[in-house]
Structures are given as structure tokens and as C-alpha cells.
All heavy atoms as atom14 arrays in JSON, in Angstrom:
{
  "sequence": "IGEMTLALKDSPCFVFGSNLQVVFLFQDEQKGKENVTVLPDISVV",
  "atom14_mask": [
    [1, 1, 1, 1, 1, 1, 1, 1, 0, 0, 0, 0, 0, 0],
    [1, 1, 1, 1, 0, 0, 0, 0, 0, 0, 0, 0, 0, 0],
    [1, 1, 1, 1, 1, 1, 1, 1, 1, 0, 0, 0, 0, 0],
    [1, 1, 1, 1, 1, 1, 1, 1, 0, 0, 0, 0, 0, 0],
    [1, 1, 1, 1, 1, 1, 1, 0, 0, 0, 0, 0, 0, 0],
    [1, 1, 1, 1, 1, 1, 1, 1, 0, 0, 0, 0, 0, 0],
    [1, 1, 1, 1, 1, 0, 0, 0, 0, 0, 0, 0, 0, 0],
    [1, 1, 1, 1, 1, 1, 1, 1, 0, 0, 0, 0, 0, 0],
    [1, 1, 1, 1, 1, 1, 1, 1, 1, 0, 0, 0, 0, 0],
    [1, 1, 1, 1, 1, 1, 1, 1, 0, 0, 0, 0, 0, 0],
    [1, 1, 1, 1, 1, 1, 0, 0, 0, 0, 0, 0, 0, 0],
    [1, 1, 1, 1, 1, 1, 1, 0, 0, 0, 0, 0, 0, 0],
    [1, 1, 1, 1, 1, 1, 0, 0, 0, 0, 0, 0, 0, 0],
    [1, 1, 1, 1, 1, 1, 1, 1, 1, 1, 1, 0, 0, 0],
    [1, 1, 1, 1, 1, 1, 1, 0, 0, 0, 0, 0, 0, 0],
    [1, 1, 1, 1, 1, 1, 1, 1, 1, 1, 1, 0, 0, 0],
    [1, 1, 1, 1, 0, 0, 0, 0, 0, 0, 0, 0, 0, 0],
    [1, 1, 1, 1, 1, 1, 0, 0, 0, 0, 0, 0, 0, 0],
    [1, 1, 1, 1, 1, 1, 1, 1, 0, 0, 0, 0, 0, 0],
    [1, 1, 1, 1, 1, 1, 1, 1, 0, 0, 0, 0, 0, 0],
    [1, 1, 1, 1, 1, 1, 1, 1, 1, 0, 0, 0, 0, 0],
    [1, 1, 1, 1, 1, 1, 1, 0, 0, 0, 0, 0, 0, 0],
    [1, 1, 1, 1, 1, 1, 1, 0, 0, 0, 0, 0, 0, 0],
    [1, 1, 1, 1, 1, 1, 1, 1, 1, 1, 1, 0, 0, 0],
    [1, 1, 1, 1, 1, 1, 1, 1, 0, 0, 0, 0, 0, 0],
    [1, 1, 1, 1, 1, 1, 1, 1, 1, 1, 1, 0, 0, 0],
    [1, 1, 1, 1, 1, 1, 1, 1, 1, 0, 0, 0, 0, 0],
    [1, 1, 1, 1, 1, 1, 1, 1, 0, 0, 0, 0, 0, 0],
    [1, 1, 1, 1, 1, 1, 1, 1, 1, 0, 0, 0, 0, 0],
    [1, 1, 1, 1, 1, 1, 1, 1, 1, 0, 0, 0, 0, 0],
    [1, 1, 1, 1, 1, 1, 1, 1, 1, 0, 0, 0, 0, 0],
    [1, 1, 1, 1, 0, 0, 0, 0, 0, 0, 0, 0, 0, 0],
    [1, 1, 1, 1, 1, 1, 1, 1, 1, 0, 0, 0, 0, 0],
    [1, 1, 1, 1, 1, 1, 1, 1, 1, 0, 0, 0, 0, 0],
    [1, 1, 1, 1, 1, 1, 1, 1, 0, 0, 0, 0, 0, 0],
    [1, 1, 1, 1, 1, 1, 1, 0, 0, 0, 0, 0, 0, 0],
    [1, 1, 1, 1, 1, 1, 1, 0, 0, 0, 0, 0, 0, 0],
    [1, 1, 1, 1, 1, 1, 1, 0, 0, 0, 0, 0, 0, 0],
    [1, 1, 1, 1, 1, 1, 1, 1, 0, 0, 0, 0, 0, 0],
    [1, 1, 1, 1, 1, 1, 1, 0, 0, 0, 0, 0, 0, 0],
    [1, 1, 1, 1, 1, 1, 1, 1, 0, 0, 0, 0, 0, 0],
    [1, 1, 1, 1, 1, 1, 1, 1, 0, 0, 0, 0, 0, 0],
    [1, 1, 1, 1, 1, 1, 0, 0, 0, 0, 0, 0, 0, 0],
    [1, 1, 1, 1, 1, 1, 1, 0, 0, 0, 0, 0, 0, 0],
    [1, 1, 1, 1, 1, 1, 1, 0, 0, 0, 0, 0, 0, 0]
  ],
  "atom14_positions": [
    [[0.85, -1.23, 0.04], [-0.02, 0.02, -0.02], [0.88, 1.15, -0.02], [0.71, 2.25, -0.75], [-0.99, -0.04, 1.21], [-2.2, -1.08, 0.91], [-1.55, 1.4, 1.36], [-2.94, -1.29, 2.17], [0.0, 0.0, 0.0], [0.0, 0.0, 0.0], [0.0, 0.0, 0.0], [0.0, 0.0, 0.0], [0.0, 0.0, 0.0], [0.0, 0.0, 0.0]],
    [[1.85, 1.16, 0.75], [2.87, 2.45, 0.84], [3.47, 2.7, -0.58], [3.58, 3.78, -1.05], [0.0, 0.0, 0.0], [0.0, 0.0, 0.0], [0.0, 0.0, 0.0], [0.0, 0.0, 0.0], [0.0, 0.0, 0.0], [0.0, 0.0, 0.0], [0.0, 0.0, 0.0], [0.0, 0.0, 0.0], [0.0, 0.0, 0.0], [0.0, 0.0, 0.0]],
    [[4.03, 1.59, -1.15], [4.66, 1.72, -2.38], [3.64, 2.25, -3.52], [3.89, 3.01, -4.34], [5.2, 0.51, -2.98], [6.56, -0.04, -2.03], [7.58, 0.92, -2.18], [7.9, 1.47, -3.3], [8.36, 1.17, -1.14], [0.0, 0.0, 0.0], [0.0, 0.0, 0.0], [0.0, 0.0, 0.0], [0.0, 0.0, 0.0], [0.0, 0.0, 0.0]],
    [[2.47, 1.69, -3.47], [1.45, 2.03, -4.52], [0.94, 3.51, -4.21], [0.75, 4.12, -5.2], [0.18, 1.13, -4.4], [0.51, -0.31, -4.82], [-0.83, -1.42, -4.61], [-1.7, -1.28, -6.18], [0.0, 0.0, 0.0], [0.0, 0.0, 0.0], [0.0, 0.0, 0.0], [0.0, 0.0, 0.0], [0.0, 0.0, 0.0], [0.0, 0.0, 0.0]],
    [[0.75, 3.98, -3.02], [0.44, 5.26, -2.77], [1.44, 6.28, -3.32], [1.31, 7.13, -3.88], [0.27, 5.45, -1.26], [-0.78, 4.51, -0.75], [-0.12, 6.87, -0.94], [0.0, 0.0, 0.0], [0.0, 0.0, 0.0], [0.0, 0.0, 0.0], [0.0, 0.0, 0.0], [0.0, 0.0, 0.0], [0.0, 0.0, 0.0], [0.0, 0.0, 0.0]],
    [[2.79, 5.93, -3.02], [3.94, 6.79, -3.58], [3.89, 6.82, -5.04], [4.04, 7.83, -5.68], [5.18, 6.3, -3.13], [5.65, 6.51, -1.65], [6.97, 5.81, -1.17], [5.64, 8.09, -1.36], [0.0, 0.0, 0.0], [0.0, 0.0, 0.0], [0.0, 0.0, 0.0], [0.0, 0.0, 0.0], [0.0, 0.0, 0.0], [0.0, 0.0, 0.0]],
    [[3.62, 5.72, -5.71], [3.69, 5.64, -7.09], [2.54, 6.38, -7.75], [2.63, 6.89, -8.93], [3.57, 4.18, -7.63], [0.0, 0.0, 0.0], [0.0, 0.0, 0.0], [0.0, 0.0, 0.0], [0.0, 0.0, 0.0], [0.0, 0.0, 0.0], [0.0, 0.0, 0.0], [0.0, 0.0, 0.0], [0.0, 0.0, 0.0], [0.0, 0.0, 0.0]],
    [[1.39, 6.46, -7.06], [0.2, 7.13, -7.53], [-0.07, 8.57, -6.97], [-1.01, 9.04, -7.13], [-0.97, 6.35, -7.23], [-1.05, 4.87, -7.85], [-2.25, 3.95, -7.41], [-1.12, 5.09, -9.52], [0.0, 0.0, 0.0], [0.0, 0.0, 0.0], [0.0, 0.0, 0.0], [0.0, 0.0, 0.0], [0.0, 0.0, 0.0], [0.0, 0.0, 0.0]],
    [[1.12, 9.14, -6.39], [0.81, 10.4, -5.61], [0.5, 11.55, -6.49], [-0.31, 12.51, -6.03], [2.09, 10.7, -4.83], [3.28, 11.13, -5.65], [4.44, 11.49, -4.76], [5.52, 11.95, -5.52], [6.59, 12.43, -4.84], [0.0, 0.0, 0.0], [0.0, 0.0, 0.0], [0.0, 0.0, 0.0], [0.0, 0.0, 0.0], [0.0, 0.0, 0.0]],
    [[0.83, 11.67, -7.71], [0.29, 12.65, -8.69], [-0.86, 12.28, -9.57], [-0.98, 12.96, -10.6], [1.56, 13.07, -9.56], [2.72, 13.74, -8.69], [2.33, 14.41, -7.62], [3.89, 13.53, -9.01], [0.0, 0.0, 0.0], [0.0, 0.0, 0.0], [0.0, 0.0, 0.0], [0.0, 0.0, 0.0], [0.0, 0.0, 0.0], [0.0, 0.0, 0.0]],
    [[-1.49, 11.22, -9.13], [-2.72, 10.82, -9.95], [-4.03, 11.13, -9.23], [-4.01, 11.31, -7.95], [-2.53, 9.33, -10.25], [-2.88, 8.55, -9.14], [0.0, 0.0, 0.0], [0.0, 0.0, 0.0], [0.0, 0.0, 0.0], [0.0, 0.0, 0.0], [0.0, 0.0, 0.0], [0.0, 0.0, 0.0], [0.0, 0.0, 0.0], [0.0, 0.0, 0.0]],
    [[-5.05, 11.02, -9.77], [-6.35, 11.04, -9.14], [-6.8, 9.84, -8.31], [-7.8, 9.76, -7.73], [-7.36, 11.23, -10.19], [-6.82, 10.52, -11.28], [-5.24, 10.62, -11.21], [0.0, 0.0, 0.0], [0.0, 0.0, 0.0], [0.0, 0.0, 0.0], [0.0, 0.0, 0.0], [0.0, 0.0, 0.0], [0.0, 0.0, 0.0], [0.0, 0.0, 0.0]],
    [[-5.86, 8.78, -8.16], [-6.09, 7.48, -7.72], [-6.01, 7.43, -6.13], [-5.1, 8.14, -5.53], [-5.38, 6.34, -8.23], [-5.6, 6.26, -10.12], [0.0, 0.0, 0.0], [0.0, 0.0, 0.0], [0.0, 0.0, 0.0], [0.0, 0.0, 0.0], [0.0, 0.0, 0.0], [0.0, 0.0, 0.0], [0.0, 0.0, 0.0], [0.0, 0.0, 0.0]],
    [[-6.89, 6.74, -5.43], [-6.66, 6.4, -3.92], [-6.42, 4.97, -3.84], [-6.97, 4.09, -4.5], [-8.04, 6.75, -3.38], [-8.51, 8.15, -3.47], [-9.4, 8.42, -4.59], [-8.18, 9.12, -2.6], [-9.87, 9.71, -4.74], [-8.67, 10.41, -2.77], [-9.48, 10.69, -3.83], [0.0, 0.0, 0.0], [0.0, 0.0, 0.0], [0.0, 0.0, 0.0]],
    [[-5.58, 4.61, -2.91], [-5.14, 3.2, -2.45], [-5.83, 3.1, -1.09], [-5.65, 3.66, -0.1], [-3.72, 3.0, -2.43], [-3.4, 1.65, -2.07], [-3.1, 3.53, -3.69], [0.0, 0.0, 0.0], [0.0, 0.0, 0.0], [0.0, 0.0, 0.0], [0.0, 0.0, 0.0], [0.0, 0.0, 0.0], [0.0, 0.0, 0.0], [0.0, 0.0, 0.0]],
    [[-6.54, 1.86, -1.03], [-7.2, 1.43, 0.2], [-6.89, 0.06, 0.7], [-6.43, -0.77, -0.15], [-8.62, 1.43, 0.05], [-9.39, 2.77, -0.42], [-9.55, 3.23, -1.66], [-9.5, 3.76, 0.68], [-10.06, 4.39, -1.97], [-10.24, 4.96, 0.44], [-10.35, 5.3, -0.98], [0.0, 0.0, 0.0], [0.0, 0.0, 0.0], [0.0, 0.0, 0.0]],
    [[-6.82, -0.13, 1.94], [-6.64, -1.38, 2.53], [-7.98, -2.26, 2.68], [-8.91, -1.89, 2.04], [0.0, 0.0, 0.0], [0.0, 0.0, 0.0], [0.0, 0.0, 0.0], [0.0, 0.0, 0.0], [0.0, 0.0, 0.0], [0.0, 0.0, 0.0], [0.0, 0.0, 0.0], [0.0, 0.0, 0.0], [0.0, 0.0, 0.0], [0.0, 0.0, 0.0]],
    [[-7.82, -3.31, 3.57], [-8.91, -4.29, 3.51], [-10.26, -3.91, 4.23], [-11.11, -4.63, 4.29], [-8.35, -5.58, 4.29], [-8.03, -5.35, 5.42], [0.0, 0.0, 0.0], [0.0, 0.0, 0.0], [0.0, 0.0, 0.0], [0.0, 0.0, 0.0], [0.0, 0.0, 0.0], [0.0, 0.0, 0.0], [0.0, 0.0, 0.0], [0.0, 0.0, 0.0]],
    [[-10.29, -2.75, 4.69], [-11.64, -2.27, 5.42], [-12.66, -1.72, 4.39], [-13.64, -1.3, 4.68], [-11.37, -1.35, 6.5], [-10.77, -2.05, 7.72], [-11.2, -3.17, 7.99], [-9.76, -1.56, 8.55], [0.0, 0.0, 0.0], [0.0, 0.0, 0.0], [0.0, 0.0, 0.0], [0.0, 0.0, 0.0], [0.0, 0.0, 0.0], [0.0, 0.0, 0.0]],
    [[-12.07, -1.43, 3.11], [-13.07, -0.89, 2.16], [-13.85, -2.06, 1.61], [-13.28, -2.82, 0.93], [-12.23, -0.09, 1.15], [-13.17, 0.38, 0.02], [-14.06, 1.55, 0.56], [-12.27, 1.06, -1.09], [0.0, 0.0, 0.0], [0.0, 0.0, 0.0], [0.0, 0.0, 0.0], [0.0, 0.0, 0.0], [0.0, 0.0, 0.0], [0.0, 0.0, 0.0]],
    [[-15.1, -1.91, 1.78], [-16.03, -2.94, 1.09], [-16.26, -2.58, -0.32], [-16.52, -1.45, -0.65], [-17.41, -3.05, 1.78], [-18.29, -4.11, 1.35], [-19.55, -4.2, 2.1], [-20.3, -3.17, 2.24], [-19.87, -5.33, 2.7], [0.0, 0.0, 0.0], [0.0, 0.0, 0.0], [0.0, 0.0, 0.0], [0.0, 0.0, 0.0], [0.0, 0.0, 0.0]],
    [[-15.96, -3.59, -1.28], [-15.97, -3.36, -2.69], [-17.2, -4.24, -3.25], [-17.38, -5.38, -2.92], [-14.73, -3.93, -3.36], [-14.9, -3.89, -4.83], [-13.59, -2.96, -2.91], [0.0, 0.0, 0.0], [0.0, 0.0, 0.0], [0.0, 0.0, 0.0], [0.0, 0.0, 0.0], [0.0, 0.0, 0.0], [0.0, 0.0, 0.0], [0.0, 0.0, 0.0]],
    [[-18.09, -3.52, -4.04], [-19.34, -4.11, -4.57], [-19.18, -4.23, -6.05], [-18.86, -3.31, -6.75], [-20.48, -3.16, -4.25], [-21.74, -3.85, -4.6], [-20.59, -3.05, -2.69], [0.0, 0.0, 0.0], [0.0, 0.0, 0.0], [0.0, 0.0, 0.0], [0.0, 0.0, 0.0], [0.0, 0.0, 0.0], [0.0, 0.0, 0.0], [0.0, 0.0, 0.0]],
    [[-19.42, -5.47, -6.59], [-19.46, -5.73, -7.9], [-21.02, -5.99, -8.21], [-21.55, -7.02, -7.79], [-18.75, -6.88, -8.28], [-17.28, -6.73, -8.22], [-16.56, -7.22, -7.03], [-16.55, -5.97, -9.08], [-15.23, -7.14, -6.78], [-15.11, -5.86, -8.82], [-14.47, -6.26, -7.67], [0.0, 0.0, 0.0], [0.0, 0.0, 0.0], [0.0, 0.0, 0.0]],
    [[-21.54, -5.04, -8.98], [-22.92, -5.12, -9.34], [-23.06, -5.9, -10.73], [-22.52, -5.4, -11.78], [-23.66, -3.78, -9.46], [-23.54, -2.95, -8.23], [-24.15, -1.6, -8.5], [-24.44, -3.59, -7.23], [0.0, 0.0, 0.0], [0.0, 0.0, 0.0], [0.0, 0.0, 0.0], [0.0, 0.0, 0.0], [0.0, 0.0, 0.0], [0.0, 0.0, 0.0]],
    [[-23.74, -7.14, -10.67], [-23.91, -7.81, -11.94], [-24.95, -8.93, -11.61], [-25.43, -9.07, -10.52], [-22.63, -8.58, -12.36], [-22.26, -9.75, -11.46], [-22.64, -11.02, -11.7], [-21.49, -9.6, -10.3], [-22.39, -12.04, -11.01], [-21.14, -10.64, -9.49], [-21.58, -11.92, -9.79], [0.0, 0.0, 0.0], [0.0, 0.0, 0.0], [0.0, 0.0, 0.0]],
    [[-25.47, -9.39, -12.75], [-26.52, -10.42, -12.63], [-26.19, -11.46, -13.73], [-26.06, -11.14, -15.03], [-27.95, -9.93, -12.72], [-28.95, -11.02, -12.39], [-30.4, -10.32, -12.07], [-30.42, -9.09, -12.28], [-31.19, -11.03, -11.46], [0.0, 0.0, 0.0], [0.0, 0.0, 0.0], [0.0, 0.0, 0.0], [0.0, 0.0, 0.0], [0.0, 0.0, 0.0]],
    [[-26.04, -12.74, -13.26], [-25.9, -13.8, -14.32], [-27.15, -14.75, -14.21], [-27.06, -15.52, -13.31], [-24.62, -14.46, -14.04], [-24.37, -15.65, -14.99], [-25.24, -16.13, -15.73], [-23.14, -15.96, -15.15], [0.0, 0.0, 0.0], [0.0, 0.0, 0.0], [0.0, 0.0, 0.0], [0.0, 0.0, 0.0], [0.0, 0.0, 0.0], [0.0, 0.0, 0.0]],
    [[-28.25, -14.46, -14.95], [-29.43, -15.11, -14.81], [-29.31, -16.69, -15.1], [-29.77, -17.48, -14.61], [-30.5, -14.6, -15.63], [-30.92, -13.17, -15.17], [-31.92, -12.62, -16.05], [-32.56, -13.36, -16.93], [-32.18, -11.3, -15.99], [0.0, 0.0, 0.0], [0.0, 0.0, 0.0], [0.0, 0.0, 0.0], [0.0, 0.0, 0.0], [0.0, 0.0, 0.0]],
    [[-28.29, -17.0, -16.02], [-28.05, -18.42, -16.42], [-27.52, -19.2, -15.15], [-27.96, -20.2, -14.9], [-27.16, -18.43, -17.6], [-26.98, -19.77, -18.23], [-26.08, -19.75, -19.51], [-25.3, -18.78, -19.67], [-26.32, -20.68, -20.39], [0.0, 0.0, 0.0], [0.0, 0.0, 0.0], [0.0, 0.0, 0.0], [0.0, 0.0, 0.0], [0.0, 0.0, 0.0]],
    [[-26.66, -18.55, -14.4], [-26.09, -19.2, -13.22], [-26.85, -18.96, -11.9], [-26.37, -19.45, -10.92], [-24.59, -18.84, -13.1], [-23.69, -19.36, -14.2], [-22.25, -19.02, -14.08], [-21.41, -19.56, -15.17], [-20.03, -19.22, -14.93], [0.0, 0.0, 0.0], [0.0, 0.0, 0.0], [0.0, 0.0, 0.0], [0.0, 0.0, 0.0], [0.0, 0.0, 0.0]],
    [[-27.76, -18.0, -12.04], [-28.44, -17.67, -10.81], [-27.6, -16.88, -9.81], [-27.8, -16.87, -8.59], [0.0, 0.0, 0.0], [0.0, 0.0, 0.0], [0.0, 0.0, 0.0], [0.0, 0.0, 0.0], [0.0, 0.0, 0.0], [0.0, 0.0, 0.0], [0.0, 0.0, 0.0], [0.0, 0.0, 0.0], [0.0, 0.0, 0.0], [0.0, 0.0, 0.0]],
    [[-26.57, -16.18, -10.43], [-25.64, -15.35, -9.43], [-25.85, -13.85, -9.64], [-26.21, -13.45, -10.69], [-24.27, -15.75, -9.75], [-23.96, -17.13, -9.47], [-22.42, -17.55, -9.86], [-22.11, -18.99, -9.7], [-20.77, -19.32, -10.16], [0.0, 0.0, 0.0], [0.0, 0.0, 0.0], [0.0, 0.0, 0.0], [0.0, 0.0, 0.0], [0.0, 0.0, 0.0]],
    [[-25.79, -13.15, -8.56], [-25.81, -11.77, -8.75], [-25.08, -11.09, -7.47], [-24.81, -11.59, -6.51], [-27.21, -11.12, -8.73], [-28.09, -11.5, -7.46], [-29.41, -10.87, -7.55], [-30.2, -11.26, -8.44], [-29.83, -10.1, -6.69], [0.0, 0.0, 0.0], [0.0, 0.0, 0.0], [0.0, 0.0, 0.0], [0.0, 0.0, 0.0], [0.0, 0.0, 0.0]],
    [[-24.56, -9.87, -7.82], [-23.9, -8.99, -6.74], [-23.02, -9.74, -5.8], [-23.37, -10.58, -5.13], [-24.98, -8.28, -6.15], [-25.82, -7.39, -7.0], [-25.5, -7.01, -7.99], [-27.14, -7.25, -6.54], [0.0, 0.0, 0.0], [0.0, 0.0, 0.0], [0.0, 0.0, 0.0], [0.0, 0.0, 0.0], [0.0, 0.0, 0.0], [0.0, 0.0, 0.0]],
    [[-21.76, -9.19, -5.91], [-20.76, -9.86, -4.94], [-20.16, -8.7, -4.19], [-19.88, -7.59, -4.72], [-19.75, -10.7, -5.64], [-18.56, -11.07, -4.83], [-20.22, -11.85, -6.32], [0.0, 0.0, 0.0], [0.0, 0.0, 0.0], [0.0, 0.0, 0.0], [0.0, 0.0, 0.0], [0.0, 0.0, 0.0], [0.0, 0.0, 0.0], [0.0, 0.0, 0.0]],
    [[-19.96, -8.91, -2.92], [-19.1, -7.86, -2.15], [-18.02, -8.54, -1.62], [-17.96, -9.73, -1.15], [-19.95, -7.12, -0.99], [-20.07, -8.16, 0.1], [-21.22, -6.61, -1.47], [0.0, 0.0, 0.0], [0.0, 0.0, 0.0], [0.0, 0.0, 0.0], [0.0, 0.0, 0.0], [0.0, 0.0, 0.0], [0.0, 0.0, 0.0], [0.0, 0.0, 0.0]],
    [[-16.72, -7.9, -1.6], [-15.49, -8.48, -1.08], [-14.78, -7.4, -0.16], [-15.06, -6.16, -0.31], [-14.54, -8.93, -2.21], [-15.19, -10.09, -2.85], [-14.22, -7.94, -3.26], [0.0, 0.0, 0.0], [0.0, 0.0, 0.0], [0.0, 0.0, 0.0], [0.0, 0.0, 0.0], [0.0, 0.0, 0.0], [0.0, 0.0, 0.0], [0.0, 0.0, 0.0]],
    [[-13.88, -7.78, 0.59], [-12.94, -6.94, 1.33], [-11.52, -7.27, 0.91], [-10.81, -8.06, 1.55], [-13.12, -7.24, 2.96], [-14.44, -6.92, 3.34], [-14.69, -7.55, 4.78], [-14.6, -5.43, 3.5], [0.0, 0.0, 0.0], [0.0, 0.0, 0.0], [0.0, 0.0, 0.0], [0.0, 0.0, 0.0], [0.0, 0.0, 0.0], [0.0, 0.0, 0.0]],
    [[-11.11, -6.83, -0.34], [-9.74, -7.14, -0.84], [-8.7, -6.5, 0.14], [-8.84, -5.57, 0.75], [-9.69, -6.65, -2.23], [-10.79, -5.64, -2.29], [-11.88, -5.83, -1.08], [0.0, 0.0, 0.0], [0.0, 0.0, 0.0], [0.0, 0.0, 0.0], [0.0, 0.0, 0.0], [0.0, 0.0, 0.0], [0.0, 0.0, 0.0], [0.0, 0.0, 0.0]],
    [[-7.48, -7.2, -0.06], [-6.26, -6.71, 0.83], [-6.09, -5.18, 0.32], [-5.66, -4.28, 1.1], [-5.08, -7.54, 0.56], [-5.24, -8.87, 1.23], [-5.97, -8.95, 2.3], [-4.78, -9.82, 0.6], [0.0, 0.0, 0.0], [0.0, 0.0, 0.0], [0.0, 0.0, 0.0], [0.0, 0.0, 0.0], [0.0, 0.0, 0.0], [0.0, 0.0, 0.0]],
    [[-6.11, -4.96, -0.94], [-5.76, -3.62, -1.57], [-6.72, -3.33, -2.75], [-7.03, -4.26, -3.57], [-4.34, -3.58, -2.23], [-3.29, -3.98, -1.11], [-3.97, -2.32, -2.74], [-1.85, -4.11, -1.67], [0.0, 0.0, 0.0], [0.0, 0.0, 0.0], [0.0, 0.0, 0.0], [0.0, 0.0, 0.0], [0.0, 0.0, 0.0], [0.0, 0.0, 0.0]],
    [[-7.29, -2.14, -2.62], [-8.1, -1.65, -3.75], [-7.45, -0.34, -4.25], [-7.13, 0.49, -3.47], [-9.54, -1.36, -3.24], [-10.06, -2.44, -2.79], [0.0, 0.0, 0.0], [0.0, 0.0, 0.0], [0.0, 0.0, 0.0], [0.0, 0.0, 0.0], [0.0, 0.0, 0.0], [0.0, 0.0, 0.0], [0.0, 0.0, 0.0], [0.0, 0.0, 0.0]],
    [[-7.45, 0.01, -5.61], [-7.08, 1.19, -6.2], [-8.41, 1.69, -6.86], [-8.96, 1.04, -7.65], [-5.8, 1.04, -7.07], [-5.64, 2.42, -7.68], [-4.71, 0.54, -6.41], [0.0, 0.0, 0.0], [0.0, 0.0, 0.0], [0.0, 0.0, 0.0], [0.0, 0.0, 0.0], [0.0, 0.0, 0.0], [0.0, 0.0, 0.0], [0.0, 0.0, 0.0]],
    [[-8.72, 3.02, -6.56], [-9.89, 3.72, -7.09], [-9.49, 4.99, -7.71], [-8.95, 5.74, -6.97], [-11.08, 3.93, -6.02], [-12.28, 4.42, -6.71], [-11.36, 2.51, -5.34], [0.0, 0.0, 0.0], [0.0, 0.0, 0.0], [0.0, 0.0, 0.0], [0.0, 0.0, 0.0], [0.0, 0.0, 0.0], [0.0, 0.0, 0.0], [0.0, 0.0, 0.0]]
  ]
}
């Protein structure tokens, strides 16, 4: 996270740790699956 934050310091990006809940909105009617939320180790937004 430290290295990524330094590398992205002049960009509009934010680096987050595992407390940021990430939501993937999708629906796969064929498989009956929809919407997943995860707590990844690192997220870049």
C-alpha cells in the first residue's frame, strides 16, 4: 500500500486497505448469481 500510494501520488487515484467494502454489481441469470461484495487486501480507485 505504501509503495502504491507513492507511485500514484500525482494521480487522481486512491489506495485503500482491507476495510473498504467493494461491490460488484452484476447479474448472471443463467447461473443464478448476482452481486458480490468483497474486502480485498488492496483496492485502487
